[in-house]
């Protein structure tokens, strides 16, 4: 009998550019990747960087309209690496699943003309 589905949000198979870095390495340069799938609760992406399970990441990406229902600029997520898996022996890439814990949507600055 298959295991029950644990996800509570619909996943979208889509490639969305993103940047990430460990929270505890704020001076570390951001790494660039692209999502393989994304939902309102997390993202799964491939990287050749070593990202251990359980580490907290800061992830910057532009949430797609299909996921959040509105056009938004770049969002900044704090998330926990929930799982890491090898994407094959032919390359050194790993698939990294990040569970979003909280996020910030940058405020659009409004310029008032007198």
PDB file of N, CA and C in Angstrom:
ATOM      1  N   UNK A   1       0.852  -1.181   0.000  1.00  0.00           N
ATOM      2  CA  UNK A   1       0.000   0.000   0.000  1.00  0.00           C
ATOM      3  C   UNK A   1       0.894   1.239   0.000  1.00  0.00           C
ATOM      4  N   UNK A   2       0.676   2.179  -0.919  1.00  0.00           N
ATOM      5  CA  UNK A   2       1.525   3.373  -0.973  1.00  0.00           C
ATOM      6  C   UNK A   2       1.358   4.246   0.270  1.00  0.00           C
ATOM      7  N   UNK A   3       2.428   4.950   0.592  1.00  0.00           N
ATOM      8  CA  UNK A   3       2.384   5.864   1.741  1.00  0.00           C
ATOM      9  C   UNK A   3       1.442   7.022   1.429  1.00  0.00           C
ATOM     10  N   UNK A   4       0.711   7.502   2.423  1.00  0.00           N
ATOM     11  CA  UNK A   4      -0.199   8.632   2.178  1.00  0.00           C
ATOM     12  C   UNK A   4       0.582   9.906   1.828  1.00  0.00           C
ATOM     13  N   UNK A   5      -0.004  10.717   0.979  1.00  0.00           N
ATOM     14  CA  UNK A   5       0.608  11.994   0.576  1.00  0.00           C
ATOM     15  C   UNK A   5       0.606  12.934   1.772  1.00  0.00           C
ATOM     16  N   UNK A   6       1.791  13.486   2.107  1.00  0.00           N
ATOM     17  CA  UNK A   6       1.910  14.370   3.267  1.00  0.00           C
ATOM     18  C   UNK A   6       1.753  15.838   2.906  1.00  0.00           C
ATOM     19  N   UNK A   7       1.858  16.157   1.636  1.00  0.00           N
ATOM     20  CA  UNK A   7       1.823  17.559   1.247  1.00  0.00           C
ATOM     21  C   UNK A   7       0.419  18.117   1.369  1.00  0.00           C
ATOM     22  N   UNK A   8       0.332  19.364   1.847  1.00  0.00           N
ATOM     23  CA  UNK A   8      -0.976  20.002   1.995  1.00  0.00           C
ATOM     24  C   UNK A   8      -1.171  21.119   0.970  1.00  0.00           C
ATOM     25  N   UNK A   9      -0.168  21.345   0.121  1.00  0.00           N
ATOM     26  CA  UNK A   9      -0.280  22.388  -0.898  1.00  0.00           C
ATOM     27  C   UNK A   9       0.066  21.784  -2.254  1.00  0.00           C
ATOM     28  N   UNK A  10      -0.612  22.224  -3.270  1.00  0.00           N
ATOM     29  CA  UNK A  10      -0.377  21.731  -4.625  1.00  0.00           C
ATOM     30  C   UNK A  10       1.021  22.102  -5.093  1.00  0.00           C
ATOM     31  N   UNK A  11       1.713  21.115  -5.674  1.00  0.00           N
ATOM     32  CA  UNK A  11       3.040  21.362  -6.236  1.00  0.00           C
ATOM     33  C   UNK A  11       2.912  21.667  -7.718  1.00  0.00           C
ATOM     34  N   UNK A  12       3.747  22.582  -8.181  1.00  0.00           N
ATOM     35  CA  UNK A  12       3.793  22.936  -9.588  1.00  0.00           C
ATOM     36  C   UNK A  12       5.169  22.566 -10.123  1.00  0.00           C
ATOM     37  N   UNK A  13       5.190  21.775 -11.182  1.00  0.00           N
ATOM     38  CA  UNK A  13       6.448  21.411 -11.818  1.00  0.00           C
ATOM     39  C   UNK A  13       6.820  22.589 -12.708  1.00  0.00           C
ATOM     40  N   UNK A  14       7.757  23.400 -12.247  1.00  0.00           N
ATOM     41  CA  UNK A  14       8.169  24.571 -13.028  1.00  0.00           C
ATOM     42  C   UNK A  14       9.566  25.022 -12.627  1.00  0.00           C
ATOM     43  N   UNK A  15      10.234  25.586 -13.601  1.00  0.00           N
ATOM     44  CA  UNK A  15      11.596  26.084 -13.399  1.00  0.00           C
ATOM     45  C   UNK A  15      11.527  27.573 -13.081  1.00  0.00           C
ATOM     46  N   UNK A  16      11.856  27.908 -11.825  1.00  0.00           N
ATOM     47  CA  UNK A  16      11.856  29.294 -11.371  1.00  0.00           C
ATOM     48  C   UNK A  16      13.261  29.603 -10.865  1.00  0.00           C
ATOM     49  N   UNK A  17      13.929  30.627 -11.412  1.00  0.00           N
ATOM     50  CA  UNK A  17      15.268  30.975 -10.914  1.00  0.00           C
ATOM     51  C   UNK A  17      15.214  31.351  -9.437  1.00  0.00           C
ATOM     52  N   UNK A  18      16.241  30.947  -8.696  1.00  0.00           N
ATOM     53  CA  UNK A  18      16.296  31.291  -7.279  1.00  0.00           C
ATOM     54  C   UNK A  18      17.741  31.459  -6.839  1.00  0.00           C
ATOM     55  N   UNK A  19      17.899  32.119  -5.693  1.00  0.00           N
ATOM     56  CA  UNK A  19      19.205  32.283  -5.049  1.00  0.00           C
ATOM     57  C   UNK A  19      19.050  31.790  -3.619  1.00  0.00           C
ATOM     58  N   UNK A  20      20.099  31.142  -3.094  1.00  0.00           N
ATOM     59  CA  UNK A  20      20.010  30.643  -1.719  1.00  0.00           C
ATOM     60  C   UNK A  20      21.360  30.744  -1.031  1.00  0.00           C
ATOM     61  N   UNK A  21      21.309  30.768   0.293  1.00  0.00           N
ATOM     62  CA  UNK A  21      22.518  30.729   1.115  1.00  0.00           C
ATOM     63  C   UNK A  21      22.131  30.281   2.515  1.00  0.00           C
ATOM     64  N   UNK A  22      23.060  29.616   3.204  1.00  0.00           N
ATOM     65  CA  UNK A  22      22.783  29.235   4.590  1.00  0.00           C
ATOM     66  C   UNK A  22      22.587  30.476   5.457  1.00  0.00           C
ATOM     67  N   UNK A  23      21.632  30.425   6.382  1.00  0.00           N
ATOM     68  CA  UNK A  23      21.350  31.546   7.281  1.00  0.00           C
ATOM     69  C   UNK A  23      22.586  31.905   8.101  1.00  0.00           C
ATOM     70  N   UNK A  24      23.312  30.899   8.574  1.00  0.00           N
ATOM     71  CA  UNK A  24      24.459  31.152   9.450  1.00  0.00           C
ATOM     72  C   UNK A  24      25.697  31.596   8.681  1.00  0.00           C
ATOM     73  N   UNK A  25      25.581  31.760   7.363  1.00  0.00           N
ATOM     74  CA  UNK A  25      26.714  32.202   6.549  1.00  0.00           C
ATOM     75  C   UNK A  25      26.304  33.431   5.747  1.00  0.00           C
ATOM     76  N   UNK A  26      25.864  34.466   6.462  1.00  0.00           N
ATOM     77  CA  UNK A  26      25.341  35.677   5.814  1.00  0.00           C
ATOM     78  C   UNK A  26      26.366  36.348   4.905  1.00  0.00           C
ATOM     79  N   UNK A  27      27.651  36.147   5.167  1.00  0.00           N
ATOM     80  CA  UNK A  27      28.670  36.758   4.315  1.00  0.00           C
ATOM     81  C   UNK A  27      29.013  35.862   3.127  1.00  0.00           C
ATOM     82  N   UNK A  28      28.519  34.641   3.141  1.00  0.00           N
ATOM     83  CA  UNK A  28      28.748  33.698   2.045  1.00  0.00           C
ATOM     84  C   UNK A  28      27.968  34.170   0.820  1.00  0.00           C
ATOM     85  N   UNK A  29      28.565  34.133  -0.370  1.00  0.00           N
ATOM     86  CA  UNK A  29      27.812  34.580  -1.554  1.00  0.00           C
ATOM     87  C   UNK A  29      26.619  33.665  -1.835  1.00  0.00           C
ATOM     88  N   UNK A  30      25.561  34.240  -2.372  1.00  0.00           N
ATOM     89  CA  UNK A  30      24.390  33.452  -2.714  1.00  0.00           C
ATOM     90  C   UNK A  30      24.712  32.517  -3.876  1.00  0.00           C
ATOM     91  N   UNK A  31      24.156  31.334  -3.816  1.00  0.00           N
ATOM     92  CA  UNK A  31      24.276  30.356  -4.903  1.00  0.00           C
ATOM     93  C   UNK A  31      23.045  30.502  -5.790  1.00  0.00           C
ATOM     94  N   UNK A  32      23.209  30.209  -7.067  1.00  0.00           N
ATOM     95  CA  UNK A  32      22.112  30.321  -8.022  1.00  0.00           C
ATOM     96  C   UNK A  32      21.648  28.921  -8.406  1.00  0.00           C
ATOM     97  N   UNK A  33      20.346  28.740  -8.481  1.00  0.00           N
ATOM     98  CA  UNK A  33      19.754  27.465  -8.873  1.00  0.00           C
ATOM     99  C   UNK A  33      18.412  27.758  -9.546  1.00  0.00           C
ATOM    100  N   UNK A  34      17.672  26.716  -9.850  1.00  0.00           N
ATOM    101  CA  UNK A  34      16.321  26.859 -10.396  1.00  0.00           C
ATOM    102  C   UNK A  34      15.466  25.753  -9.811  1.00  0.00           C
ATOM    103  N   UNK A  35      14.231  26.094  -9.503  1.00  0.00           N
ATOM    104  CA  UNK A  35      13.334  25.101  -8.924  1.00  0.00           C
ATOM    105  C   UNK A  35      13.044  24.002  -9.935  1.00  0.00           C
ATOM    106  N   UNK A  36      12.765  22.814  -9.400  1.00  0.00           N
ATOM    107  CA  UNK A  36      12.255  21.712 -10.211  1.00  0.00           C
ATOM    108  C   UNK A  36      10.752  21.593  -9.969  1.00  0.00           C
ATOM    109  N   UNK A  37      10.355  21.852  -8.713  1.00  0.00           N
ATOM    110  CA  UNK A  37       8.939  22.004  -8.397  1.00  0.00           C
ATOM    111  C   UNK A  37       8.819  22.966  -7.225  1.00  0.00           C
ATOM    112  N   UNK A  38       7.639  23.552  -7.110  1.00  0.00           N
ATOM    113  CA  UNK A  38       7.440  24.609  -6.124  1.00  0.00           C
ATOM    114  C   UNK A  38       5.997  24.581  -5.639  1.00  0.00           C
ATOM    115  N   UNK A  39       5.788  24.964  -4.381  1.00  0.00           N
ATOM    116  CA  UNK A  39       4.444  25.102  -3.828  1.00  0.00           C
ATOM    117  C   UNK A  39       4.459  26.287  -2.878  1.00  0.00           C
ATOM    118  N   UNK A  40       3.327  26.564  -2.287  1.00  0.00           N
ATOM    119  CA  UNK A  40       3.257  27.652  -1.316  1.00  0.00           C
ATOM    120  C   UNK A  40       4.019  27.307  -0.040  1.00  0.00           C
ATOM    121  N   UNK A  41       4.334  26.019   0.163  1.00  0.00           N
ATOM    122  CA  UNK A  41       4.998  25.592   1.403  1.00  0.00           C
ATOM    123  C   UNK A  41       6.452  25.210   1.236  1.00  0.00           C
ATOM    124  N   UNK A  42       6.960  25.173  -0.022  1.00  0.00           N
ATOM    125  CA  UNK A  42       8.352  24.787  -0.193  1.00  0.00           C
ATOM    126  C   UNK A  42       8.790  24.760  -1.633  1.00  0.00           C
ATOM    127  N   UNK A  43      10.063  24.412  -1.804  1.00  0.00           N
ATOM    128  CA  UNK A  43      10.650  24.359  -3.135  1.00  0.00           C
ATOM    129  C   UNK A  43      11.632  23.198  -3.182  1.00  0.00           C
ATOM    130  N   UNK A  44      11.766  22.608  -4.371  1.00  0.00           N
ATOM    131  CA  UNK A  44      12.727  21.539  -4.611  1.00  0.00           C
ATOM    132  C   UNK A  44      13.597  21.989  -5.766  1.00  0.00           C
ATOM    133  N   UNK A  45      14.910  21.956  -5.574  1.00  0.00           N
ATOM    134  CA  UNK A  45      15.814  22.417  -6.618  1.00  0.00           C
ATOM    135  C   UNK A  45      17.068  21.550  -6.665  1.00  0.00           C
ATOM    136  N   UNK A  46      17.793  21.642  -7.778  1.00  0.00           N
ATOM    137  CA  UNK A  46      19.041  20.906  -7.961  1.00  0.00           C
ATOM    138  C   UNK A  46      20.212  21.855  -7.772  1.00  0.00           C
ATOM    139  N   UNK A  47      21.267  21.353  -7.137  1.00  0.00           N
ATOM    140  CA  UNK A  47      22.474  22.150  -6.942  1.00  0.00           C
ATOM    141  C   UNK A  47      23.679  21.228  -6.854  1.00  0.00           C
ATOM    142  N   UNK A  48      24.843  21.764  -7.188  1.00  0.00           N
ATOM    143  CA  UNK A  48      26.076  20.996  -6.997  1.00  0.00           C
ATOM    144  C   UNK A  48      26.749  21.377  -5.675  1.00  0.00           C
ATOM    145  N   UNK A  49      26.120  22.279  -4.922  1.00  0.00           N
ATOM    146  CA  UNK A  49      26.621  22.658  -3.594  1.00  0.00           C
ATOM    147  C   UNK A  49      26.223  21.595  -2.572  1.00  0.00           C
ATOM    148  N   UNK A  50      27.063  21.410  -1.575  1.00  0.00           N
ATOM    149  CA  UNK A  50      26.738  20.474  -0.497  1.00  0.00           C
ATOM    150  C   UNK A  50      25.827  21.196   0.497  1.00  0.00           C
ATOM    151  N   UNK A  51      24.592  20.756   0.587  1.00  0.00           N
ATOM    152  CA  UNK A  51      23.600  21.367   1.474  1.00  0.00           C
ATOM    153  C   UNK A  51      23.090  20.266   2.402  1.00  0.00           C
ATOM    154  N   UNK A  52      23.466  20.300   3.686  1.00  0.00           N
ATOM    155  CA  UNK A  52      23.043  19.232   4.590  1.00  0.00           C
ATOM    156  C   UNK A  52      21.580  19.340   5.017  1.00  0.00           C
ATOM    157  N   UNK A  53      20.969  18.186   5.249  1.00  0.00           N
ATOM    158  CA  UNK A  53      19.604  18.138   5.762  1.00  0.00           C
ATOM    159  C   UNK A  53      19.549  18.849   7.108  1.00  0.00           C
ATOM    160  N   UNK A  54      18.491  19.627   7.332  1.00  0.00           N
ATOM    161  CA  UNK A  54      18.289  20.322   8.601  1.00  0.00           C
ATOM    162  C   UNK A  54      18.823  21.739   8.643  1.00  0.00           C
ATOM    163  N   UNK A  55      19.702  22.103   7.704  1.00  0.00           N
ATOM    164  CA  UNK A  55      20.271  23.452   7.715  1.00  0.00           C
ATOM    165  C   UNK A  55      19.190  24.472   7.340  1.00  0.00           C
ATOM    166  N   UNK A  56      19.291  25.656   7.909  1.00  0.00           N
ATOM    167  CA  UNK A  56      18.357  26.738   7.600  1.00  0.00           C
ATOM    168  C   UNK A  56      18.916  27.541   6.430  1.00  0.00           C
ATOM    169  N   UNK A  57      18.075  27.797   5.440  1.00  0.00           N
ATOM    170  CA  UNK A  57      18.483  28.549   4.254  1.00  0.00           C
ATOM    171  C   UNK A  57      17.636  29.802   4.100  1.00  0.00           C
ATOM    172  N   UNK A  58      18.240  30.795   3.484  1.00  0.00           N
ATOM    173  CA  UNK A  58      17.507  31.960   3.003  1.00  0.00           C
ATOM    174  C   UNK A  58      17.388  31.758   1.497  1.00  0.00           C
ATOM    175  N   UNK A  59      16.173  31.834   0.979  1.00  0.00           N
ATOM    176  CA  UNK A  59      15.903  31.597  -0.438  1.00  0.00           C
ATOM    177  C   UNK A  59      15.190  32.814  -1.005  1.00  0.00           C
ATOM    178  N   UNK A  60      15.736  33.362  -2.079  1.00  0.00           N
ATOM    179  CA  UNK A  60      15.111  34.493  -2.788  1.00  0.00           C
ATOM    180  C   UNK A  60      14.587  33.969  -4.114  1.00  0.00           C
ATOM    181  N   UNK A  61      13.310  34.216  -4.381  1.00  0.00           N
ATOM    182  CA  UNK A  61      12.740  33.837  -5.666  1.00  0.00           C
ATOM    183  C   UNK A  61      11.489  34.642  -5.932  1.00  0.00           C
ATOM    184  N   UNK A  62      11.093  34.634  -7.177  1.00  0.00           N
ATOM    185  CA  UNK A  62       9.865  35.313  -7.591  1.00  0.00           C
ATOM    186  C   UNK A  62       8.774  34.256  -7.642  1.00  0.00           C
ATOM    187  N   UNK A  63       7.851  34.298  -6.681  1.00  0.00           N
ATOM    188  CA  UNK A  63       6.792  33.288  -6.624  1.00  0.00           C
ATOM    189  C   UNK A  63       5.890  33.422  -7.845  1.00  0.00           C
ATOM    190  N   UNK A  64       5.669  32.323  -8.563  1.00  0.00           N
ATOM    191  CA  UNK A  64       4.824  32.380  -9.759  1.00  0.00           C
ATOM    192  C   UNK A  64       3.362  32.657  -9.420  1.00  0.00           C
ATOM    193  N   UNK A  65       2.691  33.298 -10.357  1.00  0.00           N
ATOM    194  CA  UNK A  65       1.265  33.621 -10.216  1.00  0.00           C
ATOM    195  C   UNK A  65       0.443  32.354  -9.969  1.00  0.00           C
ATOM    196  N   UNK A  66       0.824  31.238 -10.596  1.00  0.00           N
ATOM    197  CA  UNK A  66       0.078  29.987 -10.434  1.00  0.00           C
ATOM    198  C   UNK A  66       0.090  29.510  -8.979  1.00  0.00           C
ATOM    199  N   UNK A  67       1.141  29.851  -8.236  1.00  0.00           N
ATOM    200  CA  UNK A  67       1.278  29.383  -6.859  1.00  0.00           C
ATOM    201  C   UNK A  67       0.554  30.304  -5.886  1.00  0.00           C
ATOM    202  N   UNK A  68       0.718  31.618  -6.049  1.00  0.00           N
ATOM    203  CA  UNK A  68       0.172  32.559  -5.068  1.00  0.00           C
ATOM    204  C   UNK A  68      -1.022  33.361  -5.569  1.00  0.00           C
ATOM    205  N   UNK A  69      -1.343  33.249  -6.863  1.00  0.00           N
ATOM    206  CA  UNK A  69      -2.528  33.905  -7.382  1.00  0.00           C
ATOM    207  C   UNK A  69      -2.395  35.395  -7.626  1.00  0.00           C
ATOM    208  N   UNK A  70      -1.190  35.925  -7.538  1.00  0.00           N
ATOM    209  CA  UNK A  70      -0.992  37.361  -7.731  1.00  0.00           C
ATOM    210  C   UNK A  70       0.423  37.591  -8.235  1.00  0.00           C
ATOM    211  N   UNK A  71       0.617  38.695  -8.923  1.00  0.00           N
ATOM    212  CA  UNK A  71       1.965  39.052  -9.353  1.00  0.00           C
ATOM    213  C   UNK A  71       2.697  39.705  -8.199  1.00  0.00           C
ATOM    214  N   UNK A  72       3.872  39.195  -7.895  1.00  0.00           N
ATOM    215  CA  UNK A  72       4.662  39.707  -6.782  1.00  0.00           C
ATOM    216  C   UNK A  72       6.104  39.803  -7.245  1.00  0.00           C
ATOM    217  N   UNK A  73       6.823  40.730  -6.665  1.00  0.00           N
ATOM    218  CA  UNK A  73       8.254  40.806  -6.945  1.00  0.00           C
ATOM    219  C   UNK A  73       8.942  39.671  -6.189  1.00  0.00           C
ATOM    220  N   UNK A  74      10.225  39.762  -6.038  1.00  0.00           N
ATOM    221  CA  UNK A  74      10.987  38.708  -5.370  1.00  0.00           C
ATOM    222  C   UNK A  74      10.589  38.564  -3.901  1.00  0.00           C
ATOM    223  N   UNK A  75      10.428  37.333  -3.451  1.00  0.00           N
ATOM    224  CA  UNK A  75      10.135  37.026  -2.053  1.00  0.00           C
ATOM    225  C   UNK A  75      11.403  36.498  -1.400  1.00  0.00           C
ATOM    226  N   UNK A  76      11.527  36.702  -0.105  1.00  0.00           N
ATOM    227  CA  UNK A  76      12.649  36.188   0.671  1.00  0.00           C
ATOM    228  C   UNK A  76      12.104  35.187   1.687  1.00  0.00           C
ATOM    229  N   UNK A  77      12.460  33.924   1.530  1.00  0.00           N
ATOM    230  CA  UNK A  77      11.989  32.860   2.413  1.00  0.00           C
ATOM    231  C   UNK A  77      13.088  32.426   3.364  1.00  0.00           C
ATOM    232  N   UNK A  78      12.702  32.038   4.554  1.00  0.00           N
ATOM    233  CA  UNK A  78      13.570  31.306   5.459  1.00  0.00           C
ATOM    234  C   UNK A  78      12.975  29.915   5.525  1.00  0.00           C
ATOM    235  N   UNK A  79      13.819  28.921   5.276  1.00  0.00           N
ATOM    236  CA  UNK A  79      13.317  27.558   5.261  1.00  0.00           C
ATOM    237  C   UNK A  79      14.333  26.575   5.806  1.00  0.00           C
ATOM    238  N   UNK A  80      13.853  25.374   6.038  1.00  0.00           N
ATOM    239  CA  UNK A  80      14.674  24.292   6.564  1.00  0.00           C
ATOM    240  C   UNK A  80      14.806  23.229   5.479  1.00  0.00           C
ATOM    241  N   UNK A  81      16.028  22.742   5.275  1.00  0.00           N
ATOM    242  CA  UNK A  81      16.244  21.670   4.306  1.00  0.00           C
ATOM    243  C   UNK A  81      15.618  20.401   4.878  1.00  0.00           C
ATOM    244  N   UNK A  82      14.543  19.933   4.233  1.00  0.00           N
ATOM    245  CA  UNK A  82      13.800  18.773   4.715  1.00  0.00           C
ATOM    246  C   UNK A  82      14.379  17.467   4.191  1.00  0.00           C
ATOM    247  N   UNK A  83      14.923  17.498   2.968  1.00  0.00           N
ATOM    248  CA  UNK A  83      15.545  16.294   2.421  1.00  0.00           C
ATOM    249  C   UNK A  83      16.539  16.654   1.332  1.00  0.00           C
ATOM    250  N   UNK A  84      17.531  15.780   1.181  1.00  0.00           N
ATOM    251  CA  UNK A  84      18.562  15.925   0.152  1.00  0.00           C
ATOM    252  C   UNK A  84      18.744  14.551  -0.471  1.00  0.00           C
ATOM    253  N   UNK A  85      18.778  14.500  -1.802  1.00  0.00           N
ATOM    254  CA  UNK A  85      18.982  13.217  -2.476  1.00  0.00           C
ATOM    255  C   UNK A  85      19.875  13.380  -3.678  1.00  0.00           C
ATOM    256  N   UNK A  86      20.633  12.357  -3.971  1.00  0.00           N
ATOM    257  CA  UNK A  86      21.514  12.371  -5.133  1.00  0.00           C
ATOM    258  C   UNK A  86      20.667  12.326  -6.393  1.00  0.00           C
ATOM    259  N   UNK A  87      21.084  13.096  -7.396  1.00  0.00           N
ATOM    260  CA  UNK A  87      20.355  13.108  -8.664  1.00  0.00           C
ATOM    261  C   UNK A  87      21.050  12.255  -9.716  1.00  0.00           C
ATOM    262  N   UNK A  88      21.888  11.333  -9.287  1.00  0.00           N
ATOM    263  CA  UNK A  88      22.515  10.403 -10.225  1.00  0.00           C
ATOM    264  C   UNK A  88      24.019  10.365 -10.087  1.00  0.00           C
ATOM    265  N   UNK A  89      24.581   9.235 -10.445  1.00  0.00           N
ATOM    266  CA  UNK A  89      26.025   9.041 -10.323  1.00  0.00           C
ATOM    267  C   UNK A  89      26.800   9.803 -11.389  1.00  0.00           C
ATOM    268  N   UNK A  90      26.132  10.171 -12.470  1.00  0.00           N
ATOM    269  CA  UNK A  90      26.829  10.837 -13.579  1.00  0.00           C
ATOM    270  C   UNK A  90      27.199  12.278 -13.266  1.00  0.00           C
ATOM    271  N   UNK A  91      26.554  12.861 -12.269  1.00  0.00           N
ATOM    272  CA  UNK A  91      26.894  14.241 -11.914  1.00  0.00           C
ATOM    273  C   UNK A  91      26.922  14.373 -10.396  1.00  0.00           C
ATOM    274  N   UNK A  92      27.396  15.495  -9.926  1.00  0.00           N
ATOM    275  CA  UNK A  92      27.501  15.728  -8.488  1.00  0.00           C
ATOM    276  C   UNK A  92      26.316  16.515  -7.941  1.00  0.00           C
ATOM    277  N   UNK A  93      25.259  16.619  -8.721  1.00  0.00           N
ATOM    278  CA  UNK A  93      24.114  17.417  -8.279  1.00  0.00           C
ATOM    279  C   UNK A  93      23.265  16.660  -7.265  1.00  0.00           C
ATOM    280  N   UNK A  94      22.700  17.434  -6.346  1.00  0.00           N
ATOM    281  CA  UNK A  94      21.768  16.903  -5.370  1.00  0.00           C
ATOM    282  C   UNK A  94      20.440  17.619  -5.528  1.00  0.00           C
ATOM    283  N   UNK A  95      19.372  16.902  -5.243  1.00  0.00           N
ATOM    284  CA  UNK A  95      18.053  17.511  -5.173  1.00  0.00           C
ATOM    285  C   UNK A  95      17.816  17.929  -3.730  1.00  0.00           C
ATOM    286  N   UNK A  96      17.456  19.192  -3.531  1.00  0.00           N
ATOM    287  CA  UNK A  96      17.281  19.743  -2.188  1.00  0.00           C
ATOM    288  C   UNK A  96      15.834  20.196  -2.025  1.00  0.00           C
ATOM    289  N   UNK A  97      15.170  19.650  -1.017  1.00  0.00           N
ATOM    290  CA  UNK A  97      13.799  20.041  -0.700  1.00  0.00           C
ATOM    291  C   UNK A  97      13.806  20.963   0.500  1.00  0.00           C
ATOM    292  N   UNK A  98      13.270  22.171   0.336  1.00  0.00           N
ATOM    293  CA  UNK A  98      13.249  23.168   1.412  1.00  0.00           C
ATOM    294  C   UNK A  98      11.807  23.436   1.818  1.00  0.00           C
ATOM    295  N   UNK A  99      11.547  23.293   3.107  1.00  0.00           N
ATOM    296  CA  UNK A  99      10.236  23.628   3.667  1.00  0.00           C
ATOM    297  C   UNK A  99      10.281  25.081   4.109  1.00  0.00           C
ATOM    298  N   UNK A 100       9.386  25.910   3.556  1.00  0.00           N
ATOM    299  CA  UNK A 100       9.340  27.311   3.944  1.00  0.00           C
ATOM    300  C   UNK A 100       8.766  27.444   5.353  1.00  0.00           C
ATOM    301  N   UNK A 101       9.430  28.229   6.189  1.00  0.00           N
ATOM    302  CA  UNK A 101       8.957  28.478   7.549  1.00  0.00           C
ATOM    303  C   UNK A 101       8.305  29.850   7.656  1.00  0.00           C
ATOM    304  N   UNK A 102       8.923  30.838   7.036  1.00  0.00           N
ATOM    305  CA  UNK A 102       8.315  32.160   6.957  1.00  0.00           C
ATOM    306  C   UNK A 102       8.926  32.923   5.799  1.00  0.00           C
ATOM    307  N   UNK A 103       8.312  34.038   5.456  1.00  0.00           N
ATOM    308  CA  UNK A 103       8.771  34.803   4.291  1.00  0.00           C
ATOM    309  C   UNK A 103       8.522  36.288   4.493  1.00  0.00           C
ATOM    310  N   UNK A 104       9.215  37.058   3.667  1.00  0.00           N
ATOM    311  CA  UNK A 104       9.016  38.505   3.593  1.00  0.00           C
ATOM    312  C   UNK A 104       8.803  38.864   2.140  1.00  0.00           C
ATOM    313  N   UNK A 105       7.854  39.744   1.905  1.00  0.00           N
ATOM    314  CA  UNK A 105       7.642  40.287   0.568  1.00  0.00           C
ATOM    315  C   UNK A 105       8.167  41.707   0.609  1.00  0.00           C
ATOM    316  N   UNK A 106       9.182  42.015  -0.184  1.00  0.00           N
ATOM    317  CA  UNK A 106       9.725  43.380  -0.156  1.00  0.00           C
ATOM    318  C   UNK A 106       8.644  44.407  -0.462  1.00  0.00           C
ATOM    319  N   UNK A 107       8.676  45.480   0.279  1.00  0.00           N
ATOM    320  CA  UNK A 107       7.716  46.567   0.071  1.00  0.00           C
ATOM    321  C   UNK A 107       8.093  47.347  -1.182  1.00  0.00           C
ATOM    322  N   UNK A 108       7.091  47.651  -1.989  1.00  0.00           N
ATOM    323  CA  UNK A 108       7.315  48.478  -3.158  1.00  0.00           C
ATOM    324  C   UNK A 108       7.297  49.918  -2.691  1.00  0.00           C
ATOM    325  N   UNK A 109       8.359  50.629  -2.980  1.00  0.00           N
ATOM    326  CA  UNK A 109       8.395  52.027  -2.527  1.00  0.00           C
ATOM    327  C   UNK A 109       7.547  52.874  -3.465  1.00  0.00           C
ATOM    328  N   UNK A 110       6.668  53.621  -2.870  1.00  0.00           N
ATOM    329  CA  UNK A 110       5.794  54.498  -3.637  1.00  0.00           C
ATOM    330  C   UNK A 110       6.366  55.903  -3.613  1.00  0.00           C
ATOM    331  N   UNK A 111       6.476  56.485  -4.771  1.00  0.00           N
ATOM    332  CA  UNK A 111       6.986  57.835  -4.887  1.00  0.00           C
ATOM    333  C   UNK A 111       5.781  58.768  -5.046  1.00  0.00           C
ATOM    334  N   UNK A 112       5.683  59.713  -4.165  1.00  0.00           N
ATOM    335  CA  UNK A 112       4.568  60.644  -4.215  1.00  0.00           C
ATOM    336  C   UNK A 112       5.037  61.929  -4.897  1.00  0.00           C
ATOM    337  N   UNK A 113       4.287  62.347  -5.881  1.00  0.00           N
ATOM    338  CA  UNK A 113       4.617  63.593  -6.585  1.00  0.00           C
ATOM    339  C   UNK A 113       3.736  64.715  -6.042  1.00  0.00           C
ATOM    340  N   UNK A 114       4.323  65.869  -5.803  1.00  0.00           N
ATOM    341  CA  UNK A 114       3.563  67.007  -5.282  1.00  0.00           C
ATOM    342  C   UNK A 114       3.088  67.880  -6.420  1.00  0.00           C
TER     343      UNK A 114
END
